[in-house]
Amino acid sequence: MRVLVTGGAGFIGSHYVRCLLEGAYGPGEVGVTVLDRLTYAGNRDNLPAVHGRLTFVEGDVCDARLLAEVLPGHEAVVHFAAESHVDRSIDGGGDFARTNVVGTQTLLEAAVRSGVERVVHVSTDEVYGSIDTGSWTETSPLLPNSPYAASKAGADLVARAYWRTHGLDVSVTRCCNNYGPYQHPEKLIPRFVTHLLRGDPVPLYGDGSNRREWLHVDDHCRAVHLVLTRGRPGEIYNIGGGDELTNLQLTRRILTLCGADTSMIRHVPDRKGHDLRYSLSDHKIRTQLGYTPRHTLDEGLAATVAWYRDNPEWWKTA
């Protein structure tokens, strides 16, 4: 089997690629092609420098000619490539619409033309908006509140259209907040950890009451592979972690792990349109595909802090 992984030099995509190459998802050798534009969030060093089953292509998912050259011979595509940082989307949403919506459409069109057998489109819980109580299911309405979330919702609808119109075997995954090693320091956990390792205070939005659900990147990637191998065409699968905390509660855990106290918190003006709470019901993927997270937040967060402490050369140049 040969798989094309878009965005495979980024945080989540590179973890998935490393696991494929290591045989973490079962027997059978998988050939992997990584397509990545190597923007600020993509790092070639996140992948093996040389591997007999890895081919790296520097390029853009919006490049139809390149996709027409690269895709033939691949049985499956796992589509991680995306602009993903909410703050950047607030400052300017153009790149998000281009990469996330147009890029997804271009990729799926190329997949149809190339006869690709299976596609997984990796999305986010942010497409649902904010929820005061309870949890979203896969049939909840899409009510995105940031340009980033809107662009991902648009991409999800494009994926559905290619399933319905062209019969493309595509599934969509929507995951809660990820964390783990190799995550760019613009995101909350690595940003706060690296600030504290430098001896700098951490910038906490508002009063820190916004609630998020957290999932280790390894659990996310295992779930994505389950969807690739066992998921059904046209279906959406929520991927949750079960660990829901306010941003203030999470910050306090990070402070403790870094040997700091609450005097290192600096409250800063809240983000525009900041969603108050996210919560996913992942009953479907658990019951239908047998997914269960393996990493507890306590264990995973401690290991993540240790990784950033042990690898300053990676994050100081990110």
C-alpha atoms as a PDB file:
ATOM      1  CA  MET A   1       0.000   0.000   0.000  1.00  0.00           C
ATOM      2  CA  ARG A   2       1.211   3.512  -0.793  1.00  0.00           C
ATOM      3  CA  VAL A   3      -0.222   6.533   1.024  1.00  0.00           C
ATOM      4  CA  LEU A   4       0.087  10.223   0.192  1.00  0.00           C
ATOM      5  CA  VAL A   5       0.164  12.343   3.361  1.00  0.00           C
ATOM      6  CA  THR A   6      -0.383  16.050   2.782  1.00  0.00           C
ATOM      7  CA  GLY A   7       1.081  18.357   5.413  1.00  0.00           C
ATOM      8  CA  GLY A   8       3.251  15.450   6.492  1.00  0.00           C
ATOM      9  CA  ALA A   9       6.066  17.660   7.798  1.00  0.00           C
ATOM     10  CA  GLY A  10       3.783  19.427  10.266  1.00  0.00           C
ATOM     11  CA  PHE A  11       3.059  18.528  13.873  1.00  0.00           C
ATOM     12  CA  ILE A  12       0.267  15.960  13.470  1.00  0.00           C
ATOM     13  CA  GLY A  13       1.117  14.820   9.958  1.00  0.00           C
ATOM     14  CA  SER A  14       4.744  14.045  10.801  1.00  0.00           C
ATOM     15  CA  HIS A  15       3.703  11.986  13.825  1.00  0.00           C
ATOM     16  CA  TYR A  16       1.399   9.969  11.595  1.00  0.00           C
ATOM     17  CA  VAL A  17       4.149   9.442   9.014  1.00  0.00           C
ATOM     18  CA  ARG A  18       6.692   8.346  11.615  1.00  0.00           C
ATOM     19  CA  CYS A  19       4.184   5.834  12.994  1.00  0.00           C
ATOM     20  CA  LEU A  20       3.465   4.457   9.518  1.00  0.00           C
ATOM     21  CA  LEU A  21       7.154   3.999   8.820  1.00  0.00           C
ATOM     22  CA  GLU A  22       7.723   2.353  12.215  1.00  0.00           C
ATOM     23  CA  GLY A  23       4.886  -0.123  11.668  1.00  0.00           C
ATOM     24  CA  ALA A  24       2.969   1.198  14.684  1.00  0.00           C
ATOM     25  CA  TYR A  25      -0.410   0.414  13.121  1.00  0.00           C
ATOM     26  CA  GLY A  26       0.159  -3.240  12.355  1.00  0.00           C
ATOM     27  CA  PRO A  27       2.033  -5.546   9.992  1.00  0.00           C
ATOM     28  CA  GLY A  28       2.641  -4.743   6.349  1.00  0.00           C
ATOM     29  CA  GLU A  29       5.056  -2.273   4.851  1.00  0.00           C
ATOM     30  CA  VAL A  30       3.494   1.029   3.836  1.00  0.00           C
ATOM     31  CA  GLY A  31       5.124   3.317   1.320  1.00  0.00           C
ATOM     32  CA  VAL A  32       4.639   6.990   2.175  1.00  0.00           C
ATOM     33  CA  THR A  33       4.812  10.110   0.045  1.00  0.00           C
ATOM     34  CA  VAL A  34       4.779  13.380   1.989  1.00  0.00           C
ATOM     35  CA  LEU A  35       3.590  16.509   0.219  1.00  0.00           C
ATOM     36  CA  ASP A  36       4.350  19.645   2.211  1.00  0.00           C
ATOM     37  CA  ARG A  37       4.874  23.298   1.267  1.00  0.00           C
ATOM     38  CA  LEU A  38       7.255  23.752   4.216  1.00  0.00           C
ATOM     39  CA  THR A  39       5.668  26.931   5.496  1.00  0.00           C
ATOM     40  CA  TYR A  40       6.705  28.138   8.951  1.00  0.00           C
ATOM     41  CA  ALA A  41       4.709  25.252  10.506  1.00  0.00           C
ATOM     42  CA  GLY A  42       6.300  22.517   8.385  1.00  0.00           C
ATOM     43  CA  ASN A  43       9.750  21.226   9.264  1.00  0.00           C
ATOM     44  CA  ARG A  44      11.636  18.664   7.183  1.00  0.00           C
ATOM     45  CA  ASP A  45      13.545  17.687  10.334  1.00  0.00           C
ATOM     46  CA  ASN A  46      10.301  16.275  11.776  1.00  0.00           C
ATOM     47  CA  LEU A  47      10.760  13.339   9.380  1.00  0.00           C
ATOM     48  CA  PRO A  48      13.565  10.824   8.836  1.00  0.00           C
ATOM     49  CA  ALA A  49      16.315  12.310   6.696  1.00  0.00           C
ATOM     50  CA  VAL A  50      16.473   9.114   4.647  1.00  0.00           C
ATOM     51  CA  HIS A  51      14.085   6.164   4.619  1.00  0.00           C
ATOM     52  CA  GLY A  52      13.580   3.520   1.978  1.00  0.00           C
ATOM     53  CA  ARG A  53       9.784   3.812   2.100  1.00  0.00           C
ATOM     54  CA  LEU A  54       9.563   7.602   2.341  1.00  0.00           C
ATOM     55  CA  THR A  55       9.415  10.030  -0.562  1.00  0.00           C
ATOM     56  CA  PHE A  56       9.321  13.748   0.203  1.00  0.00           C
ATOM     57  CA  VAL A  57       7.844  16.242  -2.247  1.00  0.00           C
ATOM     58  CA  GLU A  58       7.986  19.937  -1.477  1.00  0.00           C
ATOM     59  CA  GLY A  59       4.841  21.427  -2.948  1.00  0.00           C
ATOM     60  CA  ASP A  60       1.397  22.944  -2.535  1.00  0.00           C
ATOM     61  CA  VAL A  61      -1.977  21.162  -2.361  1.00  0.00           C
ATOM     62  CA  CYS A  62      -3.314  23.979  -4.548  1.00  0.00           C
ATOM     63  CA  ASP A  63      -0.959  22.946  -7.378  1.00  0.00           C
ATOM     64  CA  ALA A  64      -3.152  20.792  -9.635  1.00  0.00           C
ATOM     65  CA  ARG A  65      -0.318  19.977 -12.041  1.00  0.00           C
ATOM     66  CA  LEU A  66       1.910  18.732  -9.251  1.00  0.00           C
ATOM     67  CA  LEU A  67      -0.884  16.616  -7.788  1.00  0.00           C
ATOM     68  CA  ALA A  68      -1.531  15.066 -11.195  1.00  0.00           C
ATOM     69  CA  GLU A  69       2.116  13.984 -11.256  1.00  0.00           C
ATOM     70  CA  VAL A  70       2.341  12.791  -7.662  1.00  0.00           C
ATOM     71  CA  LEU A  71      -0.980  11.032  -7.003  1.00  0.00           C
ATOM     72  CA  PRO A  72      -0.978   8.158  -9.537  1.00  0.00           C
ATOM     73  CA  GLY A  73       0.122   4.938  -7.858  1.00  0.00           C
ATOM     74  CA  HIS A  74      -1.222   5.865  -4.432  1.00  0.00           C
ATOM     75  CA  GLU A  75      -4.091   3.851  -3.012  1.00  0.00           C
ATOM     76  CA  ALA A  76      -4.914   6.340  -0.257  1.00  0.00           C
ATOM     77  CA  VAL A  77      -4.568   9.975   0.803  1.00  0.00           C
ATOM     78  CA  VAL A  78      -4.564  11.335   4.346  1.00  0.00           C
ATOM     79  CA  HIS A  79      -5.086  15.078   4.142  1.00  0.00           C
ATOM     80  CA  PHE A  80      -3.544  16.975   7.072  1.00  0.00           C
ATOM     81  CA  ALA A  81      -2.336  20.032   5.130  1.00  0.00           C
ATOM     82  CA  ALA A  82      -3.968  23.180   6.473  1.00  0.00           C
ATOM     83  CA  GLU A  83      -3.442  26.637   7.862  1.00  0.00           C
ATOM     84  CA  SER A  84      -4.483  26.049  11.458  1.00  0.00           C
ATOM     85  CA  HIS A  85      -3.739  28.918  13.831  1.00  0.00           C
ATOM     86  CA  VAL A  86      -6.820  30.919  14.827  1.00  0.00           C
ATOM     87  CA  ASP A  87      -4.913  34.087  15.711  1.00  0.00           C
ATOM     88  CA  ARG A  88      -3.273  34.176  12.285  1.00  0.00           C
ATOM     89  CA  SER A  89      -6.665  33.710  10.629  1.00  0.00           C
ATOM     90  CA  ILE A  90      -8.025  36.701  12.535  1.00  0.00           C
ATOM     91  CA  ASP A  91      -5.121  38.828  11.302  1.00  0.00           C
ATOM     92  CA  GLY A  92      -5.752  37.688   7.715  1.00  0.00           C
ATOM     93  CA  GLY A  93      -8.038  34.939   6.452  1.00  0.00           C
ATOM     94  CA  GLY A  94      -6.970  34.792   2.804  1.00  0.00           C
ATOM     95  CA  ASP A  95      -4.325  32.087   3.202  1.00  0.00           C
ATOM     96  CA  PHE A  96      -6.814  30.007   5.197  1.00  0.00           C
ATOM     97  CA  ALA A  97      -9.476  30.133   2.495  1.00  0.00           C
ATOM     98  CA  ARG A  98      -6.919  29.317  -0.179  1.00  0.00           C
ATOM     99  CA  THR A  99      -5.149  26.419   1.504  1.00  0.00           C
ATOM    100  CA  ASN A 100      -8.018  24.908   3.448  1.00  0.00           C
ATOM    101  CA  VAL A 101     -10.873  25.260   0.964  1.00  0.00           C
ATOM    102  CA  VAL A 102      -9.274  25.587  -2.469  1.00  0.00           C
ATOM    103  CA  GLY A 103      -6.461  23.214  -1.531  1.00  0.00           C
ATOM    104  CA  THR A 104      -8.902  20.551  -0.384  1.00  0.00           C
ATOM    105  CA  GLN A 105     -10.984  20.894  -3.559  1.00  0.00           C
ATOM    106  CA  THR A 106      -7.886  20.702  -5.745  1.00  0.00           C
ATOM    107  CA  LEU A 107      -6.658  17.620  -3.918  1.00  0.00           C
ATOM    108  CA  LEU A 108      -9.997  15.808  -4.104  1.00  0.00           C
ATOM    109  CA  GLU A 109     -10.392  16.621  -7.789  1.00  0.00           C
ATOM    110  CA  ALA A 110      -6.946  15.166  -8.426  1.00  0.00           C
ATOM    111  CA  ALA A 111      -7.825  12.103  -6.350  1.00  0.00           C
ATOM    112  CA  VAL A 112     -10.902  11.465  -8.503  1.00  0.00           C
ATOM    113  CA  ARG A 113      -8.932  11.878 -11.724  1.00  0.00           C
ATOM    114  CA  SER A 114      -6.104   9.634 -10.470  1.00  0.00           C
ATOM    115  CA  GLY A 115      -8.364   6.847  -9.270  1.00  0.00           C
ATOM    116  CA  VAL A 116      -7.339   7.054  -5.611  1.00  0.00           C
ATOM    117  CA  GLU A 117      -9.272   4.421  -3.663  1.00  0.00           C
ATOM    118  CA  ARG A 118      -9.529   6.066  -0.215  1.00  0.00           C
ATOM    119  CA  VAL A 119      -9.218   9.561   1.314  1.00  0.00           C
ATOM    120  CA  VAL A 120      -9.358  10.804   4.900  1.00  0.00           C
ATOM    121  CA  HIS A 121      -9.856  14.536   5.339  1.00  0.00           C
ATOM    122  CA  VAL A 122      -8.628  15.694   8.763  1.00  0.00           C
ATOM    123  CA  SER A 123     -10.717  18.501  10.232  1.00  0.00           C
ATOM    124  CA  THR A 124     -11.394  20.082  13.629  1.00  0.00           C
ATOM    125  CA  ASP A 125     -14.052  20.409  16.312  1.00  0.00           C
ATOM    126  CA  GLU A 126     -13.930  24.177  15.792  1.00  0.00           C
ATOM    127  CA  VAL A 127     -16.284  23.846  12.820  1.00  0.00           C
ATOM    128  CA  TYR A 128     -19.121  23.370  15.330  1.00  0.00           C
ATOM    129  CA  GLY A 129     -18.591  26.742  16.992  1.00  0.00           C
ATOM    130  CA  SER A 130     -19.101  26.929  20.760  1.00  0.00           C
ATOM    131  CA  ILE A 131     -21.341  24.827  23.009  1.00  0.00           C
ATOM    132  CA  ASP A 132     -22.522  25.824  26.488  1.00  0.00           C
ATOM    133  CA  THR A 133     -23.551  22.385  27.730  1.00  0.00           C
ATOM    134  CA  GLY A 134     -23.444  18.843  26.418  1.00  0.00           C
ATOM    135  CA  SER A 135     -21.325  17.654  23.501  1.00  0.00           C
ATOM    136  CA  TRP A 136     -21.447  17.806  19.722  1.00  0.00           C
ATOM    137  CA  THR A 137     -22.280  14.749  17.674  1.00  0.00           C
ATOM    138  CA  GLU A 138     -21.425  14.267  14.020  1.00  0.00           C
ATOM    139  CA  THR A 139     -24.887  15.547  13.071  1.00  0.00           C
ATOM    140  CA  SER A 140     -24.568  18.852  14.959  1.00  0.00           C
ATOM    141  CA  PRO A 141     -24.815  21.963  12.754  1.00  0.00           C
ATOM    142  CA  LEU A 142     -21.678  23.726  11.548  1.00  0.00           C
ATOM    143  CA  LEU A 143     -21.494  27.177  13.178  1.00  0.00           C
ATOM    144  CA  PRO A 144     -17.849  28.280  12.877  1.00  0.00           C
ATOM    145  CA  ASN A 145     -16.846  31.538  14.558  1.00  0.00           C
ATOM    146  CA  SER A 146     -13.318  32.236  13.273  1.00  0.00           C
ATOM    147  CA  PRO A 147     -11.969  32.510   9.722  1.00  0.00           C
ATOM    148  CA  TYR A 148      -9.918  29.381  10.421  1.00  0.00           C
ATOM    149  CA  ALA A 149     -12.939  27.380  11.572  1.00  0.00           C
ATOM    150  CA  ALA A 150     -15.016  28.649   8.656  1.00  0.00           C
ATOM    151  CA  SER A 151     -12.367  27.569   6.166  1.00  0.00           C
ATOM    152  CA  LYS A 152     -12.251  24.077   7.696  1.00  0.00           C
ATOM    153  CA  ALA A 153     -16.046  23.846   7.633  1.00  0.00           C
ATOM    154  CA  GLY A 154     -15.929  24.795   3.959  1.00  0.00           C
ATOM    155  CA  ALA A 155     -13.381  22.056   3.310  1.00  0.00           C
ATOM    156  CA  ASP A 156     -15.584  19.527   5.104  1.00  0.00           C
ATOM    157  CA  LEU A 157     -18.491  20.430   2.818  1.00  0.00           C
ATOM    158  CA  VAL A 158     -16.266  20.098  -0.234  1.00  0.00           C
ATOM    159  CA  ALA A 159     -15.318  16.600   0.931  1.00  0.00           C
ATOM    160  CA  ARG A 160     -18.975  15.682   1.305  1.00  0.00           C
ATOM    161  CA  ALA A 161     -19.714  17.020  -2.174  1.00  0.00           C
ATOM    162  CA  TYR A 162     -16.973  14.891  -3.741  1.00  0.00           C
ATOM    163  CA  TRP A 163     -18.389  11.817  -2.023  1.00  0.00           C
ATOM    164  CA  ARG A 164     -21.944  12.549  -3.170  1.00  0.00           C
ATOM    165  CA  THR A 165     -21.135  13.814  -6.668  1.00  0.00           C
ATOM    166  CA  HIS A 166     -18.177  11.685  -7.691  1.00  0.00           C
ATOM    167  CA  GLY A 167     -18.556   8.687  -5.404  1.00  0.00           C
ATOM    168  CA  LEU A 168     -15.127   9.372  -3.894  1.00  0.00           C
ATOM    169  CA  ASP A 169     -14.442   7.139  -0.907  1.00  0.00           C
ATOM    170  CA  VAL A 170     -13.731   9.955   1.566  1.00  0.00           C
ATOM    171  CA  SER A 171     -14.304  10.237   5.314  1.00  0.00           C
ATOM    172  CA  VAL A 172     -13.931  13.297   7.547  1.00  0.00           C
ATOM    173  CA  THR A 173     -12.448  13.350  11.057  1.00  0.00           C
ATOM    174  CA  ARG A 174     -13.032  16.167  13.550  1.00  0.00           C
ATOM    175  CA  CYS A 175     -10.668  16.224  16.484  1.00  0.00           C
ATOM    176  CA  CYS A 176     -10.348  18.194  19.706  1.00  0.00           C
ATOM    177  CA  ASN A 177      -7.205  20.143  20.676  1.00  0.00           C
ATOM    178  CA  ASN A 178      -3.993  18.172  20.176  1.00  0.00           C
ATOM    179  CA  TYR A 179      -0.732  18.339  22.088  1.00  0.00           C
ATOM    180  CA  GLY A 180       2.578  16.504  22.073  1.00  0.00           C
ATOM    181  CA  PRO A 181       6.186  16.807  20.850  1.00  0.00           C
ATOM    182  CA  TYR A 182       7.076  18.715  17.679  1.00  0.00           C
ATOM    183  CA  GLN A 183       4.122  21.118  17.992  1.00  0.00           C
ATOM    184  CA  HIS A 184       4.911  24.638  16.777  1.00  0.00           C
ATOM    185  CA  PRO A 185       5.364  27.112  19.676  1.00  0.00           C
ATOM    186  CA  GLU A 186       2.507  29.300  18.434  1.00  0.00           C
ATOM    187  CA  LYS A 187      -0.007  26.864  20.013  1.00  0.00           C
ATOM    188  CA  LEU A 188      -1.004  27.140  23.687  1.00  0.00           C
ATOM    189  CA  ILE A 189       0.825  24.248  25.332  1.00  0.00           C
ATOM    190  CA  PRO A 190       4.209  24.588  23.584  1.00  0.00           C
ATOM    191  CA  ARG A 191       3.973  28.365  23.760  1.00  0.00           C
ATOM    192  CA  PHE A 192       3.483  28.348  27.502  1.00  0.00           C
ATOM    193  CA  VAL A 193       6.084  25.632  28.072  1.00  0.00           C
ATOM    194  CA  THR A 194       8.766  27.367  26.007  1.00  0.00           C
ATOM    195  CA  HIS A 195       8.006  30.719  27.643  1.00  0.00           C
ATOM    196  CA  LEU A 196       8.500  29.173  31.072  1.00  0.00           C
ATOM    197  CA  LEU A 197      11.664  27.343  30.036  1.00  0.00           C
ATOM    198  CA  ARG A 198      13.057  30.730  29.010  1.00  0.00           C
ATOM    199  CA  GLY A 199      11.953  32.246  32.309  1.00  0.00           C
ATOM    200  CA  ASP A 200       9.257  34.381  30.672  1.00  0.00           C
ATOM    201  CA  PRO A 201       5.639  34.801  31.853  1.00  0.00           C
ATOM    202  CA  VAL A 202       2.801  33.150  29.956  1.00  0.00           C
ATOM    203  CA  PRO A 203       0.113  35.232  28.159  1.00  0.00           C
ATOM    204  CA  LEU A 204      -3.327  33.896  29.148  1.00  0.00           C
ATOM    205  CA  TYR A 205      -6.335  35.168  27.216  1.00  0.00           C
ATOM    206  CA  GLY A 206      -8.971  36.921  29.348  1.00  0.00           C
ATOM    207  CA  ASP A 207      -9.713  35.244  32.666  1.00  0.00           C
ATOM    208  CA  GLY A 208      -8.785  31.776  31.378  1.00  0.00           C
ATOM    209  CA  SER A 209     -12.342  30.430  31.623  1.00  0.00           C
ATOM    210  CA  ASN A 210     -12.465  29.097  28.042  1.00  0.00           C
ATOM    211  CA  ARG A 211     -12.803  25.302  28.115  1.00  0.00           C
ATOM    212  CA  ARG A 212     -11.097  22.855  25.778  1.00  0.00           C
ATOM    213  CA  GLU A 213     -10.810  19.097  25.433  1.00  0.00           C
ATOM    214  CA  TRP A 214      -7.258  17.764  25.018  1.00  0.00           C
ATOM    215  CA  LEU A 215      -5.920  14.743  23.140  1.00  0.00           C
ATOM    216  CA  HIS A 216      -2.387  13.464  22.678  1.00  0.00           C
ATOM    217  CA  VAL A 217      -1.249  13.546  19.053  1.00  0.00           C
ATOM    218  CA  ASP A 218      -0.491   9.823  19.159  1.00  0.00           C
ATOM    219  CA  ASP A 219      -4.090   8.991  20.040  1.00  0.00           C
ATOM    220  CA  HIS A 220      -5.330  11.299  17.293  1.00  0.00           C
ATOM    221  CA  CYS A 221      -3.144   9.635  14.674  1.00  0.00           C
ATOM    222  CA  ARG A 222      -4.236   6.150  15.726  1.00  0.00           C
ATOM    223  CA  ALA A 223      -7.841   7.259  15.337  1.00  0.00           C
ATOM    224  CA  VAL A 224      -7.151   8.710  11.889  1.00  0.00           C
ATOM    225  CA  HIS A 225      -5.614   5.420  10.795  1.00  0.00           C
ATOM    226  CA  LEU A 226      -8.625   3.523  12.111  1.00  0.00           C
ATOM    227  CA  VAL A 227     -10.824   5.738   9.962  1.00  0.00           C
ATOM    228  CA  LEU A 228      -8.538   5.189   6.962  1.00  0.00           C
ATOM    229  CA  THR A 229      -8.669   1.412   7.267  1.00  0.00           C
ATOM    230  CA  ARG A 230     -12.141   0.824   8.706  1.00  0.00           C
ATOM    231  CA  GLY A 231     -14.174   3.993   8.233  1.00  0.00           C
ATOM    232  CA  ARG A 232     -17.085   4.244   5.835  1.00  0.00           C
ATOM    233  CA  PRO A 233     -17.373   6.523   2.794  1.00  0.00           C
ATOM    234  CA  GLY A 234     -19.146   9.802   3.426  1.00  0.00           C
ATOM    235  CA  GLU A 235     -19.032   9.407   7.205  1.00  0.00           C
ATOM    236  CA  ILE A 236     -17.799  11.920   9.790  1.00  0.00           C
ATOM    237  CA  TYR A 237     -15.990  10.741  12.927  1.00  0.00           C
ATOM    238  CA  ASN A 238     -15.470  12.924  16.004  1.00  0.00           C
ATOM    239  CA  ILE A 239     -12.220  12.184  17.848  1.00  0.00           C
ATOM    240  CA  GLY A 240     -12.277  13.243  21.499  1.00  0.00           C
ATOM    241  CA  GLY A 241      -9.944  12.911  24.425  1.00  0.00           C
ATOM    242  CA  GLY A 242     -12.251  13.126  27.421  1.00  0.00           C
ATOM    243  CA  ASP A 243      -9.972  15.554  29.303  1.00  0.00           C
ATOM    244  CA  GLU A 244     -11.794  18.911  29.488  1.00  0.00           C
ATOM    245  CA  LEU A 245     -10.147  21.817  31.317  1.00  0.00           C
ATOM    246  CA  THR A 246     -10.394  25.566  31.441  1.00  0.00           C
ATOM    247  CA  ASN A 247      -7.354  27.292  29.994  1.00  0.00           C
ATOM    248  CA  LEU A 248      -6.534  28.481  33.506  1.00  0.00           C
ATOM    249  CA  GLN A 249      -6.622  24.920  34.866  1.00  0.00           C
ATOM    250  CA  LEU A 250      -4.346  23.754  32.069  1.00  0.00           C
ATOM    251  CA  THR A 251      -1.998  26.678  32.640  1.00  0.00           C
ATOM    252  CA  ARG A 252      -1.651  25.767  36.308  1.00  0.00           C
ATOM    253  CA  ARG A 253      -0.700  22.192  35.367  1.00  0.00           C
ATOM    254  CA  ILE A 254       1.945  23.498  32.994  1.00  0.00           C
ATOM    255  CA  LEU A 255       3.283  25.875  35.642  1.00  0.00           C
ATOM    256  CA  THR A 256       3.674  22.998  38.112  1.00  0.00           C
ATOM    257  CA  LEU A 257       5.469  20.804  35.571  1.00  0.00           C
ATOM    258  CA  CYS A 258       7.844  23.672  34.761  1.00  0.00           C
ATOM    259  CA  GLY A 259       8.546  24.484  38.419  1.00  0.00           C
ATOM    260  CA  ALA A 260       6.775  27.843  38.288  1.00  0.00           C
ATOM    261  CA  ASP A 261       3.847  29.432  40.109  1.00  0.00           C
ATOM    262  CA  THR A 262       0.883  31.641  39.233  1.00  0.00           C
ATOM    263  CA  SER A 263       3.014  34.799  39.452  1.00  0.00           C
ATOM    264  CA  MET A 264       4.158  33.841  35.920  1.00  0.00           C
ATOM    265  CA  ILE A 265       0.651  34.325  34.483  1.00  0.00           C
ATOM    266  CA  ARG A 266      -0.029  37.529  32.555  1.00  0.00           C
ATOM    267  CA  HIS A 267      -3.666  38.041  31.641  1.00  0.00           C
ATOM    268  CA  VAL A 268      -3.947  39.612  28.174  1.00  0.00           C
ATOM    269  CA  PRO A 269      -6.971  40.940  26.230  1.00  0.00           C
ATOM    270  CA  ASP A 270      -9.174  38.149  24.989  1.00  0.00           C
ATOM    271  CA  ARG A 271      -9.096  36.897  21.407  1.00  0.00           C
ATOM    272  CA  LYS A 272     -11.780  38.277  19.072  1.00  0.00           C
ATOM    273  CA  GLY A 273     -14.781  35.947  18.882  1.00  0.00           C
ATOM    274  CA  HIS A 274     -13.153  33.542  21.316  1.00  0.00           C
ATOM    275  CA  ASP A 275     -15.257  30.369  21.589  1.00  0.00           C
ATOM    276  CA  LEU A 276     -16.065  29.626  25.225  1.00  0.00           C
ATOM    277  CA  ARG A 277     -16.306  25.839  25.174  1.00  0.00           C
ATOM    278  CA  TYR A 278     -15.678  22.876  22.885  1.00  0.00           C
ATOM    279  CA  SER A 279     -16.872  19.349  23.661  1.00  0.00           C
ATOM    280  CA  LEU A 280     -17.080  16.314  21.388  1.00  0.00           C
ATOM    281  CA  SER A 281     -19.072  13.131  21.673  1.00  0.00           C
ATOM    282  CA  ASP A 282     -16.849  10.426  20.166  1.00  0.00           C
ATOM    283  CA  HIS A 283     -19.285   7.605  20.856  1.00  0.00           C
ATOM    284  CA  LYS A 284     -19.448   6.755  17.158  1.00  0.00           C
ATOM    285  CA  ILE A 285     -15.742   6.098  16.581  1.00  0.00           C
ATOM    286  CA  ARG A 286     -15.458   4.219  19.868  1.00  0.00           C
ATOM    287  CA  THR A 287     -18.376   1.881  19.212  1.00  0.00           C
ATOM    288  CA  GLN A 288     -18.027   1.452  15.459  1.00  0.00           C
ATOM    289  CA  LEU A 289     -14.243   1.399  15.029  1.00  0.00           C
ATOM    290  CA  GLY A 290     -13.004   0.421  18.497  1.00  0.00           C
ATOM    291  CA  TYR A 291     -11.124   3.636  19.256  1.00  0.00           C
ATOM    292  CA  THR A 292      -9.919   4.317  22.816  1.00  0.00           C
ATOM    293  CA  PRO A 293      -7.309   6.934  23.835  1.00  0.00           C
ATOM    294  CA  ARG A 294      -4.215   5.451  25.460  1.00  0.00           C
ATOM    295  CA  HIS A 295      -2.593   8.563  26.919  1.00  0.00           C
ATOM    296  CA  THR A 296      -3.877  10.280  30.046  1.00  0.00           C
ATOM    297  CA  LEU A 297      -3.452  14.046  30.151  1.00  0.00           C
ATOM    298  CA  ASP A 298      -1.259  13.871  33.255  1.00  0.00           C
ATOM    299  CA  GLU A 299       1.136  11.395  31.666  1.00  0.00           C
ATOM    300  CA  GLY A 300       1.069  12.950  28.207  1.00  0.00           C
ATOM    301  CA  LEU A 301       1.515  16.521  29.399  1.00  0.00           C
ATOM    302  CA  ALA A 302       4.473  15.584  31.612  1.00  0.00           C
ATOM    303  CA  ALA A 303       6.140  13.768  28.703  1.00  0.00           C
ATOM    304  CA  THR A 304       5.490  16.720  26.405  1.00  0.00           C
ATOM    305  CA  VAL A 305       7.044  19.221  28.813  1.00  0.00           C
ATOM    306  CA  ALA A 306      10.049  16.901  29.174  1.00  0.00           C
ATOM    307  CA  TRP A 307      10.433  16.733  25.381  1.00  0.00           C
ATOM    308  CA  TYR A 308      10.542  20.524  25.035  1.00  0.00           C
ATOM    309  CA  ARG A 309      12.977  20.733  27.947  1.00  0.00           C
ATOM    310  CA  ASP A 310      15.240  18.159  26.273  1.00  0.00           C
ATOM    311  CA  ASN A 311      15.022  19.611  22.751  1.00  0.00           C
ATOM    312  CA  PRO A 312      15.622  23.368  22.943  1.00  0.00           C
ATOM    313  CA  GLU A 313      17.465  23.336  19.613  1.00  0.00           C
ATOM    314  CA  TRP A 314      14.192  22.360  17.908  1.00  0.00           C
ATOM    315  CA  TRP A 315      11.859  24.994  19.361  1.00  0.00           C
ATOM    316  CA  LYS A 316      14.345  27.867  19.541  1.00  0.00           C
ATOM    317  CA  THR A 317      14.581  27.823  15.748  1.00  0.00           C
ATOM    318  CA  ALA A 318      10.899  27.017  15.047  1.00  0.00           C
END
